[in-house]
Amino acid sequence: MRAESTSAADYIELCEARAAMIEAARTTLWQRFEAIVCPTVPVVPPRIAELERDDDLFLRTNALILRNPTAFNFLDACALSLPCHPRGEAPVGLMRAGAPNNNDTLLSIGRAVEAVLETTR
């Protein structure tokens, strides 16, 4: 729905800008870091019932909740999320994002982080 009024020219411009951002990420992020660590989502999601009653709230909340993963998706990065909350508390994810097509390295980092998280939970 958000792209409904996007023209072909705007779409082509966005694709070109995205390609430039992917290249910039390759030279500024992925050559320096094997992974970037951040929260999977920036907020605790509200209860579903609240979102079902209000379409505008759903759209705003959905955009906010997907903000972090969407940024890495836009950069064509790979990512994974592991739960990092104390047992019995609301789930919280810790995301690691890495260079495109660098899944093996990212999974290796994820296994190491998972082992540390298990000792702290």
N, C-alpha and C. Protein backbone atom coordinates (compact mmCIF):
# COMPACT_ATOMS: atom_id res chain seq x y z
N MET A 1 0.82 -1.19 0.00
CA MET A 1 0.00 0.00 0.00
C MET A 1 0.87 1.26 0.00
N ARG A 2 2.00 1.20 0.71
CA ARG A 2 2.85 2.39 0.79
C ARG A 2 3.46 2.72 -0.57
N ALA A 3 3.64 1.74 -1.42
CA ALA A 3 4.27 1.98 -2.72
C ALA A 3 3.25 2.16 -3.83
N GLU A 4 1.99 2.19 -3.48
CA GLU A 4 0.92 2.26 -4.47
C GLU A 4 1.06 3.44 -5.43
N SER A 5 1.51 4.56 -4.94
CA SER A 5 1.62 5.75 -5.79
C SER A 5 3.03 5.96 -6.34
N THR A 6 3.90 4.97 -6.18
CA THR A 6 5.28 5.08 -6.66
C THR A 6 5.32 4.93 -8.16
N SER A 7 5.97 5.87 -8.81
CA SER A 7 6.10 5.80 -10.27
C SER A 7 7.24 4.86 -10.65
N ALA A 8 7.28 4.47 -11.91
CA ALA A 8 8.38 3.63 -12.41
C ALA A 8 9.71 4.35 -12.24
N ALA A 9 9.72 5.64 -12.50
CA ALA A 9 10.96 6.42 -12.35
C ALA A 9 11.43 6.43 -10.90
N ASP A 10 10.48 6.58 -9.96
CA ASP A 10 10.83 6.55 -8.54
C ASP A 10 11.39 5.18 -8.15
N TYR A 11 10.78 4.13 -8.68
CA TYR A 11 11.23 2.78 -8.37
C TYR A 11 12.65 2.55 -8.89
N ILE A 12 12.92 2.98 -10.09
CA ILE A 12 14.27 2.84 -10.67
C ILE A 12 15.28 3.63 -9.85
N GLU A 13 14.91 4.84 -9.44
CA GLU A 13 15.79 5.67 -8.61
C GLU A 13 16.06 4.98 -7.27
N LEU A 14 15.04 4.38 -6.68
CA LEU A 14 15.22 3.67 -5.41
C LEU A 14 16.15 2.48 -5.60
N CYS A 15 15.99 1.74 -6.68
CA CYS A 15 16.87 0.58 -6.93
C CYS A 15 18.32 1.02 -7.07
N GLU A 16 18.53 2.15 -7.75
CA GLU A 16 19.90 2.67 -7.90
C GLU A 16 20.45 3.13 -6.56
N ALA A 17 19.64 3.81 -5.77
CA ALA A 17 20.08 4.25 -4.44
C ALA A 17 20.37 3.06 -3.55
N ARG A 18 19.54 2.02 -3.64
CA ARG A 18 19.77 0.82 -2.84
C ARG A 18 21.09 0.16 -3.23
N ALA A 19 21.37 0.05 -4.51
CA ALA A 19 22.63 -0.55 -4.96
C ALA A 19 23.82 0.24 -4.41
N ALA A 20 23.71 1.57 -4.40
CA ALA A 20 24.78 2.40 -3.85
C ALA A 20 24.93 2.18 -2.35
N MET A 21 23.81 2.03 -1.64
CA MET A 21 23.88 1.79 -0.19
C MET A 21 24.47 0.42 0.12
N ILE A 22 24.13 -0.58 -0.68
CA ILE A 22 24.71 -1.92 -0.49
C ILE A 22 26.21 -1.86 -0.68
N GLU A 23 26.66 -1.15 -1.70
CA GLU A 23 28.10 -1.00 -1.93
C GLU A 23 28.76 -0.24 -0.79
N ALA A 24 28.11 0.81 -0.30
CA ALA A 24 28.67 1.57 0.82
C ALA A 24 28.77 0.69 2.07
N ALA A 25 27.75 -0.14 2.30
CA ALA A 25 27.80 -1.06 3.45
C ALA A 25 28.94 -2.05 3.29
N ARG A 26 29.15 -2.52 2.07
CA ARG A 26 30.24 -3.48 1.83
C ARG A 26 31.58 -2.87 2.20
N THR A 27 31.79 -1.60 1.85
CA THR A 27 33.10 -0.99 2.11
C THR A 27 33.24 -0.39 3.51
N THR A 28 32.14 0.03 4.11
CA THR A 28 32.24 0.67 5.43
C THR A 28 31.90 -0.25 6.58
N LEU A 29 31.05 -1.24 6.35
CA LEU A 29 30.65 -2.15 7.43
C LEU A 29 31.30 -3.52 7.30
N TRP A 30 31.02 -4.17 6.20
CA TRP A 30 31.36 -5.59 6.10
C TRP A 30 32.84 -5.85 5.92
N GLN A 31 33.61 -4.86 5.48
CA GLN A 31 35.06 -5.05 5.44
C GLN A 31 35.69 -4.83 6.81
N ARG A 32 34.95 -4.19 7.71
CA ARG A 32 35.49 -3.90 9.04
C ARG A 32 34.96 -4.82 10.12
N PHE A 33 33.73 -5.33 9.95
CA PHE A 33 33.08 -6.11 11.00
C PHE A 33 32.54 -7.41 10.43
N GLU A 34 32.66 -8.48 11.20
CA GLU A 34 32.06 -9.75 10.79
C GLU A 34 30.56 -9.76 11.08
N ALA A 35 30.14 -8.98 12.07
CA ALA A 35 28.72 -8.91 12.40
C ALA A 35 28.43 -7.61 13.14
N ILE A 36 27.21 -7.18 13.00
CA ILE A 36 26.69 -6.04 13.76
C ILE A 36 25.65 -6.62 14.71
N VAL A 37 25.69 -6.22 15.96
CA VAL A 37 24.78 -6.75 16.98
C VAL A 37 23.84 -5.63 17.39
N CYS A 38 22.55 -5.95 17.41
CA CYS A 38 21.54 -4.97 17.84
C CYS A 38 20.28 -5.71 18.27
N PRO A 39 19.37 -5.01 18.92
CA PRO A 39 18.10 -5.66 19.25
C PRO A 39 17.38 -6.06 17.95
N THR A 40 16.69 -7.18 17.97
CA THR A 40 15.93 -7.58 16.79
C THR A 40 14.81 -6.59 16.54
N VAL A 41 14.11 -6.22 17.58
CA VAL A 41 13.08 -5.18 17.47
C VAL A 41 13.36 -4.12 18.54
N PRO A 42 13.01 -2.85 18.26
CA PRO A 42 13.39 -1.77 19.18
C PRO A 42 12.45 -1.55 20.36
N VAL A 43 11.31 -2.25 20.37
CA VAL A 43 10.33 -2.05 21.45
C VAL A 43 9.71 -3.40 21.81
N VAL A 44 9.07 -3.44 22.96
CA VAL A 44 8.28 -4.61 23.32
C VAL A 44 6.96 -4.48 22.57
N PRO A 45 6.61 -5.47 21.77
CA PRO A 45 5.37 -5.36 20.99
C PRO A 45 4.14 -5.26 21.89
N PRO A 46 3.15 -4.51 21.45
CA PRO A 46 1.92 -4.42 22.24
C PRO A 46 1.09 -5.70 22.09
N ARG A 47 0.07 -5.80 22.88
CA ARG A 47 -0.83 -6.96 22.79
C ARG A 47 -1.56 -6.94 21.44
N ILE A 48 -1.79 -8.12 20.91
CA ILE A 48 -2.43 -8.25 19.60
C ILE A 48 -3.81 -7.60 19.57
N ALA A 49 -4.56 -7.73 20.65
CA ALA A 49 -5.91 -7.17 20.69
C ALA A 49 -5.91 -5.67 20.41
N GLU A 50 -4.90 -4.95 20.92
CA GLU A 50 -4.80 -3.51 20.67
C GLU A 50 -4.62 -3.23 19.18
N LEU A 51 -3.82 -4.05 18.53
CA LEU A 51 -3.54 -3.85 17.11
C LEU A 51 -4.73 -4.23 16.24
N GLU A 52 -5.49 -5.23 16.67
CA GLU A 52 -6.66 -5.65 15.90
C GLU A 52 -7.76 -4.59 15.89
N ARG A 53 -7.80 -3.77 16.92
CA ARG A 53 -8.84 -2.73 17.02
C ARG A 53 -8.51 -1.47 16.23
N ASP A 54 -7.25 -1.28 15.86
CA ASP A 54 -6.84 0.02 15.29
C ASP A 54 -5.86 -0.21 14.14
N ASP A 55 -6.33 -0.07 12.90
CA ASP A 55 -5.48 -0.30 11.73
C ASP A 55 -4.29 0.66 11.69
N ASP A 56 -4.51 1.92 12.03
CA ASP A 56 -3.39 2.88 12.02
C ASP A 56 -2.33 2.50 13.04
N LEU A 57 -2.77 2.09 14.23
CA LEU A 57 -1.82 1.65 15.26
C LEU A 57 -1.06 0.42 14.76
N PHE A 58 -1.77 -0.50 14.11
CA PHE A 58 -1.10 -1.68 13.57
C PHE A 58 -0.02 -1.29 12.58
N LEU A 59 -0.34 -0.41 11.64
CA LEU A 59 0.65 -0.01 10.62
C LEU A 59 1.85 0.69 11.23
N ARG A 60 1.61 1.61 12.17
CA ARG A 60 2.73 2.31 12.84
C ARG A 60 3.58 1.35 13.64
N THR A 61 2.93 0.47 14.38
CA THR A 61 3.65 -0.50 15.22
C THR A 61 4.43 -1.48 14.36
N ASN A 62 3.81 -1.96 13.31
CA ASN A 62 4.47 -2.90 12.41
C ASN A 62 5.73 -2.28 11.81
N ALA A 63 5.62 -1.04 11.36
CA ALA A 63 6.80 -0.36 10.79
C ALA A 63 7.90 -0.21 11.84
N LEU A 64 7.52 0.14 13.07
CA LEU A 64 8.52 0.29 14.13
C LEU A 64 9.16 -1.05 14.48
N ILE A 65 8.35 -2.07 14.64
CA ILE A 65 8.88 -3.37 15.04
C ILE A 65 9.79 -3.95 13.98
N LEU A 66 9.49 -3.72 12.73
CA LEU A 66 10.30 -4.27 11.64
C LEU A 66 11.47 -3.37 11.24
N ARG A 67 11.63 -2.25 11.91
CA ARG A 67 12.65 -1.26 11.53
C ARG A 67 14.05 -1.86 11.45
N ASN A 68 14.51 -2.52 12.48
CA ASN A 68 15.88 -3.04 12.49
C ASN A 68 16.09 -4.13 11.45
N PRO A 69 15.23 -5.17 11.41
CA PRO A 69 15.44 -6.19 10.38
C PRO A 69 15.32 -5.62 8.96
N THR A 70 14.40 -4.68 8.76
CA THR A 70 14.20 -4.11 7.43
C THR A 70 15.46 -3.38 6.94
N ALA A 71 16.15 -2.70 7.83
CA ALA A 71 17.37 -1.99 7.43
C ALA A 71 18.39 -2.97 6.87
N PHE A 72 18.56 -4.11 7.52
CA PHE A 72 19.52 -5.10 7.02
C PHE A 72 19.00 -5.82 5.78
N ASN A 73 17.70 -6.05 5.71
CA ASN A 73 17.13 -6.62 4.49
C ASN A 73 17.39 -5.69 3.31
N PHE A 74 17.21 -4.40 3.51
CA PHE A 74 17.43 -3.42 2.45
C PHE A 74 18.87 -3.47 1.96
N LEU A 75 19.80 -3.74 2.87
CA LEU A 75 21.22 -3.81 2.51
C LEU A 75 21.62 -5.21 2.00
N ASP A 76 20.65 -6.08 1.84
CA ASP A 76 20.88 -7.43 1.32
C ASP A 76 21.76 -8.26 2.25
N ALA A 77 21.77 -7.90 3.53
CA ALA A 77 22.59 -8.59 4.52
C ALA A 77 21.89 -9.87 4.97
N CYS A 78 22.65 -10.75 5.59
CA CYS A 78 22.04 -11.90 6.25
C CYS A 78 21.97 -11.57 7.74
N ALA A 79 21.01 -12.17 8.42
CA ALA A 79 20.85 -11.88 9.85
C ALA A 79 20.20 -13.06 10.55
N LEU A 80 20.41 -13.11 11.85
CA LEU A 80 19.72 -14.10 12.67
C LEU A 80 19.45 -13.48 14.03
N SER A 81 18.46 -14.03 14.70
CA SER A 81 18.07 -13.51 16.00
C SER A 81 18.01 -14.67 16.99
N LEU A 82 18.54 -14.42 18.16
CA LEU A 82 18.49 -15.41 19.24
C LEU A 82 17.79 -14.80 20.44
N PRO A 83 16.96 -15.58 21.13
CA PRO A 83 16.35 -15.07 22.35
C PRO A 83 17.43 -14.80 23.40
N CYS A 84 17.29 -13.69 24.10
CA CYS A 84 18.30 -13.35 25.11
C CYS A 84 17.66 -12.92 26.43
N HIS A 85 16.38 -13.19 26.58
CA HIS A 85 15.67 -12.78 27.80
C HIS A 85 15.83 -13.83 28.90
N PRO A 86 15.72 -13.39 30.13
CA PRO A 86 15.73 -14.37 31.23
C PRO A 86 14.52 -15.31 31.12
N ARG A 87 14.70 -16.52 31.51
CA ARG A 87 13.61 -17.50 31.45
C ARG A 87 12.39 -16.97 32.21
N GLY A 88 11.24 -17.14 31.60
CA GLY A 88 10.00 -16.73 32.23
C GLY A 88 9.60 -15.29 31.97
N GLU A 89 10.44 -14.53 31.30
CA GLU A 89 10.11 -13.13 30.99
C GLU A 89 9.72 -13.01 29.52
N ALA A 90 9.18 -11.85 29.16
CA ALA A 90 8.77 -11.61 27.78
C ALA A 90 9.97 -11.81 26.85
N PRO A 91 9.75 -12.43 25.69
CA PRO A 91 10.86 -12.70 24.78
C PRO A 91 11.49 -11.44 24.22
N VAL A 92 12.81 -11.47 24.15
CA VAL A 92 13.60 -10.39 23.57
C VAL A 92 14.63 -11.05 22.68
N GLY A 93 14.82 -10.51 21.47
CA GLY A 93 15.78 -11.09 20.55
C GLY A 93 17.01 -10.23 20.38
N LEU A 94 18.14 -10.89 20.22
CA LEU A 94 19.41 -10.23 19.94
C LEU A 94 19.78 -10.61 18.51
N MET A 95 19.81 -9.61 17.63
CA MET A 95 20.07 -9.86 16.22
C MET A 95 21.54 -9.63 15.90
N ARG A 96 22.06 -10.51 15.06
CA ARG A 96 23.37 -10.32 14.46
C ARG A 96 23.16 -10.25 12.96
N ALA A 97 23.74 -9.24 12.34
CA ALA A 97 23.64 -9.09 10.88
C ALA A 97 25.04 -9.12 10.31
N GLY A 98 25.16 -9.71 9.13
CA GLY A 98 26.47 -9.83 8.49
C GLY A 98 26.37 -9.58 7.00
N ALA A 99 27.50 -9.62 6.37
CA ALA A 99 27.61 -9.35 4.94
C ALA A 99 26.74 -10.30 4.12
N PRO A 100 26.26 -9.84 2.98
CA PRO A 100 25.50 -10.73 2.09
C PRO A 100 26.29 -12.01 1.79
N ASN A 101 25.58 -13.11 1.78
CA ASN A 101 26.16 -14.42 1.44
C ASN A 101 27.26 -14.88 2.40
N ASN A 102 27.26 -14.35 3.60
CA ASN A 102 28.26 -14.74 4.59
C ASN A 102 27.60 -15.53 5.72
N ASN A 103 26.68 -16.40 5.33
CA ASN A 103 25.88 -17.14 6.30
C ASN A 103 26.71 -18.01 7.22
N ASP A 104 27.73 -18.68 6.69
CA ASP A 104 28.53 -19.58 7.54
C ASP A 104 29.19 -18.83 8.69
N THR A 105 29.77 -17.69 8.40
CA THR A 105 30.41 -16.89 9.45
C THR A 105 29.37 -16.42 10.46
N LEU A 106 28.25 -15.94 9.97
CA LEU A 106 27.21 -15.43 10.86
C LEU A 106 26.65 -16.55 11.74
N LEU A 107 26.45 -17.72 11.18
CA LEU A 107 25.96 -18.85 11.98
C LEU A 107 26.99 -19.28 13.02
N SER A 108 28.25 -19.22 12.68
CA SER A 108 29.31 -19.55 13.64
C SER A 108 29.29 -18.55 14.80
N ILE A 109 29.17 -17.28 14.48
CA ILE A 109 29.07 -16.25 15.52
C ILE A 109 27.81 -16.48 16.36
N GLY A 110 26.73 -16.81 15.70
CA GLY A 110 25.47 -17.08 16.40
C GLY A 110 25.59 -18.23 17.38
N ARG A 111 26.27 -19.30 16.98
CA ARG A 111 26.47 -20.43 17.89
C ARG A 111 27.29 -20.02 19.11
N ALA A 112 28.31 -19.20 18.90
CA ALA A 112 29.13 -18.75 20.03
C ALA A 112 28.32 -17.86 20.97
N VAL A 113 27.53 -16.95 20.40
CA VAL A 113 26.69 -16.08 21.22
C VAL A 113 25.65 -16.90 21.96
N GLU A 114 25.07 -17.87 21.29
CA GLU A 114 24.07 -18.72 21.92
C GLU A 114 24.65 -19.46 23.12
N ALA A 115 25.87 -19.94 23.00
CA ALA A 115 26.53 -20.64 24.10
C ALA A 115 26.72 -19.72 25.30
N VAL A 116 27.10 -18.48 25.06
CA VAL A 116 27.26 -17.50 26.14
C VAL A 116 25.91 -17.17 26.77
N LEU A 117 24.90 -16.95 25.93
CA LEU A 117 23.57 -16.63 26.46
C LEU A 117 23.02 -17.75 27.33
N GLU A 118 23.25 -18.99 26.94
CA GLU A 118 22.77 -20.11 27.74
C GLU A 118 23.37 -20.13 29.13
N THR A 119 24.62 -19.69 29.26
CA THR A 119 25.26 -19.68 30.59
C THR A 119 24.73 -18.55 31.46
N THR A 120 24.13 -17.52 30.85
CA THR A 120 23.64 -16.37 31.62
C THR A 120 22.14 -16.44 31.90
N ARG A 121 21.47 -17.41 31.32
CA ARG A 121 20.01 -17.51 31.51
C ARG A 121 19.75 -18.47 32.60
